[in-house]
C-alpha atoms as a PDB file:
ATOM      1  CA  MET A   1      31.606 -13.337  19.667  1.00  0.00           C
ATOM      2  CA  GLU A   2      31.255 -16.424  21.836  1.00  0.00           C
ATOM      3  CA  GLN A   3      28.486 -18.901  21.034  1.00  0.00           C
ATOM      4  CA  GLY A   4      25.945 -19.388  23.831  1.00  0.00           C
ATOM      5  CA  LEU A   5      25.348 -22.913  25.047  1.00  0.00           C
ATOM      6  CA  VAL A   6      22.268 -24.925  25.983  1.00  0.00           C
ATOM      7  CA  TYR A   7      22.525 -26.873  29.250  1.00  0.00           C
ATOM      8  CA  ILE A   8      20.054 -29.419  30.579  1.00  0.00           C
ATOM      9  CA  TYR A   9      19.824 -30.453  34.219  1.00  0.00           C
ATOM     10  CA  SER A  10      17.501 -33.446  34.402  1.00  0.00           C
ATOM     11  CA  GLY A  11      16.809 -36.538  36.460  1.00  0.00           C
ATOM     12  CA  ASP A  12      14.572 -37.637  39.268  1.00  0.00           C
ATOM     13  CA  GLY A  13      16.932 -36.426  41.977  1.00  0.00           C
ATOM     14  CA  HIS A  14      16.767 -33.265  44.042  1.00  0.00           C
ATOM     15  CA  GLY A  15      19.026 -30.382  43.068  1.00  0.00           C
ATOM     16  CA  LYS A  16      18.320 -29.469  39.435  1.00  0.00           C
ATOM     17  CA  SER A  17      16.913 -26.032  40.203  1.00  0.00           C
ATOM     18  CA  PRO A  18      19.551 -25.305  42.872  1.00  0.00           C
ATOM     19  CA  ALA A  19      22.262 -26.246  40.352  1.00  0.00           C
ATOM     20  CA  ALA A  20      20.762 -23.801  37.854  1.00  0.00           C
ATOM     21  CA  LEU A  21      20.505 -21.140  40.557  1.00  0.00           C
ATOM     22  CA  GLY A  22      24.161 -21.720  41.448  1.00  0.00           C
ATOM     23  CA  LYS A  23      25.105 -21.103  37.821  1.00  0.00           C
ATOM     24  CA  ALA A  24      22.959 -17.940  37.904  1.00  0.00           C
ATOM     25  CA  VAL A  25      24.805 -16.630  40.971  1.00  0.00           C
ATOM     26  CA  MET A  26      28.170 -17.388  39.368  1.00  0.00           C
ATOM     27  CA  MET A  27      27.166 -15.508  36.212  1.00  0.00           C
ATOM     28  CA  ALA A  28      25.809 -12.550  38.199  1.00  0.00           C
ATOM     29  CA  ALA A  29      28.984 -12.410  40.290  1.00  0.00           C
ATOM     30  CA  SER A  30      30.971 -12.003  37.077  1.00  0.00           C
ATOM     31  CA  GLY A  31      28.809  -9.075  35.952  1.00  0.00           C
ATOM     32  CA  LYS A  32      26.405 -10.989  33.712  1.00  0.00           C
ATOM     33  CA  SER A  33      22.625 -10.675  33.697  1.00  0.00           C
ATOM     34  CA  VAL A  34      20.294 -13.618  34.345  1.00  0.00           C
ATOM     35  CA  VAL A  35      16.584 -14.174  33.782  1.00  0.00           C
ATOM     36  CA  ILE A  36      14.847 -17.124  35.434  1.00  0.00           C
ATOM     37  CA  ILE A  37      11.367 -18.206  34.365  1.00  0.00           C
ATOM     38  CA  GLN A  38       9.733 -20.873  36.502  1.00  0.00           C
ATOM     39  CA  PHE A  39       7.049 -23.264  35.311  1.00  0.00           C
ATOM     40  CA  LEU A  40       4.795 -25.823  37.041  1.00  0.00           C
ATOM     41  CA  LYS A  41       6.086 -25.112  40.555  1.00  0.00           C
ATOM     42  CA  GLY A  42       3.211 -23.287  42.142  1.00  0.00           C
ATOM     43  CA  LYS A  43       4.531 -20.440  44.233  1.00  0.00           C
ATOM     44  CA  GLY A  44       8.138 -21.378  43.475  1.00  0.00           C
ATOM     45  CA  LEU A  45      10.914 -18.868  44.040  1.00  0.00           C
ATOM     46  CA  ALA A  46       9.217 -15.842  42.496  1.00  0.00           C
ATOM     47  CA  ASP A  47       7.950 -14.465  45.794  1.00  0.00           C
ATOM     48  CA  SER A  48      11.198 -14.983  47.682  1.00  0.00           C
ATOM     49  CA  GLU A  49      12.305 -11.807  49.437  1.00  0.00           C
ATOM     50  CA  PHE A  50      15.892 -13.017  49.411  1.00  0.00           C
ATOM     51  CA  LEU A  51      15.969 -13.657  45.687  1.00  0.00           C
ATOM     52  CA  SER A  52      14.376 -10.287  44.948  1.00  0.00           C
ATOM     53  CA  ARG A  53      17.472  -8.710  46.522  1.00  0.00           C
ATOM     54  CA  LEU A  54      19.549 -10.261  43.728  1.00  0.00           C
ATOM     55  CA  GLU A  55      17.964  -7.900  41.222  1.00  0.00           C
ATOM     56  CA  PRO A  56      18.851  -6.379  38.831  1.00  0.00           C
ATOM     57  CA  GLU A  57      21.478  -9.019  38.009  1.00  0.00           C
ATOM     58  CA  ILE A  58      19.070 -11.948  38.514  1.00  0.00           C
ATOM     59  CA  LYS A  59      15.401 -11.470  37.642  1.00  0.00           C
ATOM     60  CA  ILE A  60      12.854 -14.177  38.423  1.00  0.00           C
ATOM     61  CA  PHE A  61       9.491 -14.503  36.693  1.00  0.00           C
ATOM     62  CA  ARG A  62       6.539 -16.791  37.157  1.00  0.00           C
ATOM     63  CA  PHE A  63       3.483 -16.435  34.944  1.00  0.00           C
ATOM     64  CA  GLU A  64       1.256 -19.014  36.567  1.00  0.00           C
ATOM     65  CA  LYS A  65      -1.324 -17.641  38.993  1.00  0.00           C
ATOM     66  CA  SER A  66      -1.885 -20.681  41.188  1.00  0.00           C
ATOM     67  CA  ASP A  67       0.194 -21.225  44.316  1.00  0.00           C
ATOM     68  CA  VAL A  68       0.010 -25.024  43.962  1.00  0.00           C
ATOM     69  CA  ASN A  69       1.910 -27.303  41.618  1.00  0.00           C
ATOM     70  CA  PHE A  70       0.405 -27.798  38.174  1.00  0.00           C
ATOM     71  CA  ASP A  71      -0.219 -31.518  38.653  1.00  0.00           C
ATOM     72  CA  GLU A  72      -2.396 -30.787  41.715  1.00  0.00           C
ATOM     73  CA  LEU A  73      -4.817 -28.542  39.788  1.00  0.00           C
ATOM     74  CA  SER A  74      -8.261 -29.496  38.486  1.00  0.00           C
ATOM     75  CA  GLU A  75      -8.530 -29.952  34.709  1.00  0.00           C
ATOM     76  CA  GLU A  76     -10.381 -26.627  34.458  1.00  0.00           C
ATOM     77  CA  LYS A  77      -7.660 -24.722  36.323  1.00  0.00           C
ATOM     78  CA  LYS A  78      -4.971 -26.451  34.245  1.00  0.00           C
ATOM     79  CA  ILE A  79      -6.527 -24.975  31.097  1.00  0.00           C
ATOM     80  CA  ASP A  80      -6.274 -21.468  32.606  1.00  0.00           C
ATOM     81  CA  GLU A  81      -2.708 -22.058  33.713  1.00  0.00           C
ATOM     82  CA  ILE A  82      -1.680 -23.342  30.286  1.00  0.00           C
ATOM     83  CA  LEU A  83      -2.584 -19.907  28.890  1.00  0.00           C
ATOM     84  CA  ASN A  84      -0.402 -18.301  31.564  1.00  0.00           C
ATOM     85  CA  ILE A  85       2.413 -20.744  30.777  1.00  0.00           C
ATOM     86  CA  LYS A  86       2.162 -19.854  27.071  1.00  0.00           C
ATOM     87  CA  ASN A  87       2.541 -16.183  28.068  1.00  0.00           C
ATOM     88  CA  GLY A  88       5.696 -17.144  29.950  1.00  0.00           C
ATOM     89  CA  LEU A  89       7.026 -18.941  26.888  1.00  0.00           C
ATOM     90  CA  ASN A  90       6.300 -15.912  24.706  1.00  0.00           C
ATOM     91  CA  PHE A  91       8.197 -13.776  27.209  1.00  0.00           C
ATOM     92  CA  ALA A  92      11.094 -16.247  27.092  1.00  0.00           C
ATOM     93  CA  LYS A  93      11.152 -16.012  23.300  1.00  0.00           C
ATOM     94  CA  LYS A  94      11.270 -12.206  23.515  1.00  0.00           C
ATOM     95  CA  VAL A  95      14.101 -12.358  26.055  1.00  0.00           C
ATOM     96  CA  LEU A  96      16.051 -14.697  23.786  1.00  0.00           C
ATOM     97  CA  ALA A  97      15.388 -12.735  20.596  1.00  0.00           C
ATOM     98  CA  THR A  98      16.482  -9.427  22.105  1.00  0.00           C
ATOM     99  CA  GLY A  99      19.524 -10.772  23.934  1.00  0.00           C
ATOM    100  CA  GLU A 100      18.133  -9.234  27.128  1.00  0.00           C
ATOM    101  CA  CYS A 101      20.261 -11.461  29.330  1.00  0.00           C
ATOM    102  CA  ASP A 102      23.434 -13.523  29.268  1.00  0.00           C
ATOM    103  CA  LEU A 103      21.752 -16.559  30.836  1.00  0.00           C
ATOM    104  CA  LEU A 104      18.108 -17.623  30.615  1.00  0.00           C
ATOM    105  CA  ILE A 105      17.000 -20.377  32.980  1.00  0.00           C
ATOM    106  CA  LEU A 106      13.754 -22.111  32.046  1.00  0.00           C
ATOM    107  CA  ASP A 107      13.079 -23.957  35.277  1.00  0.00           C
ATOM    108  CA  GLU A 108      10.956 -27.112  34.858  1.00  0.00           C
ATOM    109  CA  LEU A 109      10.565 -26.514  31.125  1.00  0.00           C
ATOM    110  CA  LEU A 110      11.045 -30.235  30.474  1.00  0.00           C
ATOM    111  CA  GLY A 111       7.856 -30.791  32.465  1.00  0.00           C
ATOM    112  CA  LEU A 112       5.971 -28.749  29.873  1.00  0.00           C
ATOM    113  CA  ILE A 113       6.868 -31.403  27.324  1.00  0.00           C
ATOM    114  CA  ASP A 114       5.870 -34.198  29.738  1.00  0.00           C
ATOM    115  CA  ASN A 115       2.501 -32.513  30.297  1.00  0.00           C
ATOM    116  CA  GLU A 116       2.059 -31.984  26.532  1.00  0.00           C
ATOM    117  CA  ILE A 117       1.849 -28.218  26.965  1.00  0.00           C
ATOM    118  CA  ILE A 118       4.573 -27.750  24.362  1.00  0.00           C
ATOM    119  CA  THR A 119       6.179 -30.004  21.797  1.00  0.00           C
ATOM    120  CA  VAL A 120       9.854 -30.602  21.137  1.00  0.00           C
ATOM    121  CA  GLU A 121       9.373 -28.661  17.889  1.00  0.00           C
ATOM    122  CA  GLU A 122       8.095 -25.647  19.860  1.00  0.00           C
ATOM    123  CA  LEU A 123      11.110 -25.911  22.177  1.00  0.00           C
ATOM    124  CA  THR A 124      13.395 -26.042  19.144  1.00  0.00           C
ATOM    125  CA  ASN A 125      11.750 -22.895  17.743  1.00  0.00           C
ATOM    126  CA  LEU A 126      12.175 -21.179  21.094  1.00  0.00           C
ATOM    127  CA  LEU A 127      15.881 -22.007  21.239  1.00  0.00           C
ATOM    128  CA  ASP A 128      16.343 -20.969  17.599  1.00  0.00           C
ATOM    129  CA  ALA A 129      15.056 -17.493  18.515  1.00  0.00           C
ATOM    130  CA  ARG A 130      17.983 -16.830  20.825  1.00  0.00           C
ATOM    131  CA  ASP A 131      20.729 -14.317  20.429  1.00  0.00           C
ATOM    132  CA  GLU A 132      23.898 -16.215  19.624  1.00  0.00           C
ATOM    133  CA  GLU A 133      25.644 -15.285  22.876  1.00  0.00           C
ATOM    134  CA  THR A 134      22.866 -16.216  25.298  1.00  0.00           C
ATOM    135  CA  ASP A 135      23.268 -19.368  27.387  1.00  0.00           C
ATOM    136  CA  VAL A 136      20.109 -21.319  28.256  1.00  0.00           C
ATOM    137  CA  ILE A 137      19.525 -23.802  31.064  1.00  0.00           C
ATOM    138  CA  LEU A 138      16.542 -26.161  30.919  1.00  0.00           C
ATOM    139  CA  THR A 139      15.568 -28.180  33.991  1.00  0.00           C
ATOM    140  CA  GLY A 140      13.117 -30.993  34.537  1.00  0.00           C
ATOM    141  CA  ILE A 141      12.731 -34.611  35.486  1.00  0.00           C
ATOM    142  CA  SER A 142      12.246 -36.385  32.157  1.00  0.00           C
ATOM    143  CA  LEU A 143      14.523 -36.165  29.171  1.00  0.00           C
ATOM    144  CA  ASN A 144      14.018 -37.773  25.802  1.00  0.00           C
ATOM    145  CA  ASP A 145      16.604 -38.256  23.068  1.00  0.00           C
ATOM    146  CA  GLU A 146      15.108 -35.554  20.852  1.00  0.00           C
ATOM    147  CA  VAL A 147      15.427 -32.899  23.584  1.00  0.00           C
ATOM    148  CA  CYS A 148      18.864 -34.186  24.533  1.00  0.00           C
ATOM    149  CA  MET A 149      20.051 -33.477  20.982  1.00  0.00           C
ATOM    150  CA  LEU A 150      19.201 -29.778  21.436  1.00  0.00           C
ATOM    151  CA  ALA A 151      21.721 -29.367  24.256  1.00  0.00           C
ATOM    152  CA  ASP A 152      25.447 -28.805  24.333  1.00  0.00           C
ATOM    153  CA  GLU A 153      25.735 -30.280  27.830  1.00  0.00           C
ATOM    154  CA  VAL A 154      23.372 -32.597  29.691  1.00  0.00           C
ATOM    155  CA  SER A 155      23.644 -33.379  33.398  1.00  0.00           C
ATOM    156  CA  LYS A 156      21.641 -36.105  35.078  1.00  0.00           C
ATOM    157  CA  ILE A 157      20.964 -35.393  38.733  1.00  0.00           C
ATOM    158  CA  GLU A 158      20.363 -38.463  40.850  1.00  0.00           C
ATOM    159  CA  THR A 159      19.633 -38.504  44.567  1.00  0.00           C
ATOM    160  CA  LEU A 160      21.378 -41.308  46.393  1.00  0.00           C
ATOM    161  CA  LYS A 161      20.318 -40.218  49.851  1.00  0.00           C
ATOM    162  CA  PHE A 162      18.038 -37.410  51.007  1.00  0.00           C
ATOM    163  CA  LYS A 163      17.508 -36.107  54.499  1.00  0.00           C
ATOM    164  CA  ARG A 164      15.729 -32.818  55.132  1.00  0.00           C
ATOM    165  CA  TRP A 165      17.822 -30.333  57.041  1.00  0.00           C
END
């Protein structure tokens, strides 16, 4: 039995989520199953017709109801969305506990810590719930030392130049 790893893709550059998605495609191409749960991104990828064609190998979930980014919401709407986010985290814990997938991507999870929606202790408990063989990728901008210690591999993504295509 091979031990699953925890990867972190962080930094203020563009490309963290695409890097995680690339890993998802590689895993799916080798016959593995992938679950992606997106946080704080508004509409995000969940409604993408293209990505829905990647099912059943890659399944994408988004529990937030708003189509705008979390930081653009009023305080009242943030409270509602935090409940939805907590539902997403409970789903993630279930996925990890049951070994439902070979790779779980928690896209923008590090932002949940930045926004004080979860604590590092709650993240630790979430990761401790995982089946031993499941890999986990966490993405987000900020990374503190305590979260860094939870990972087997940490990548810092930095944009040196950006031009929209």
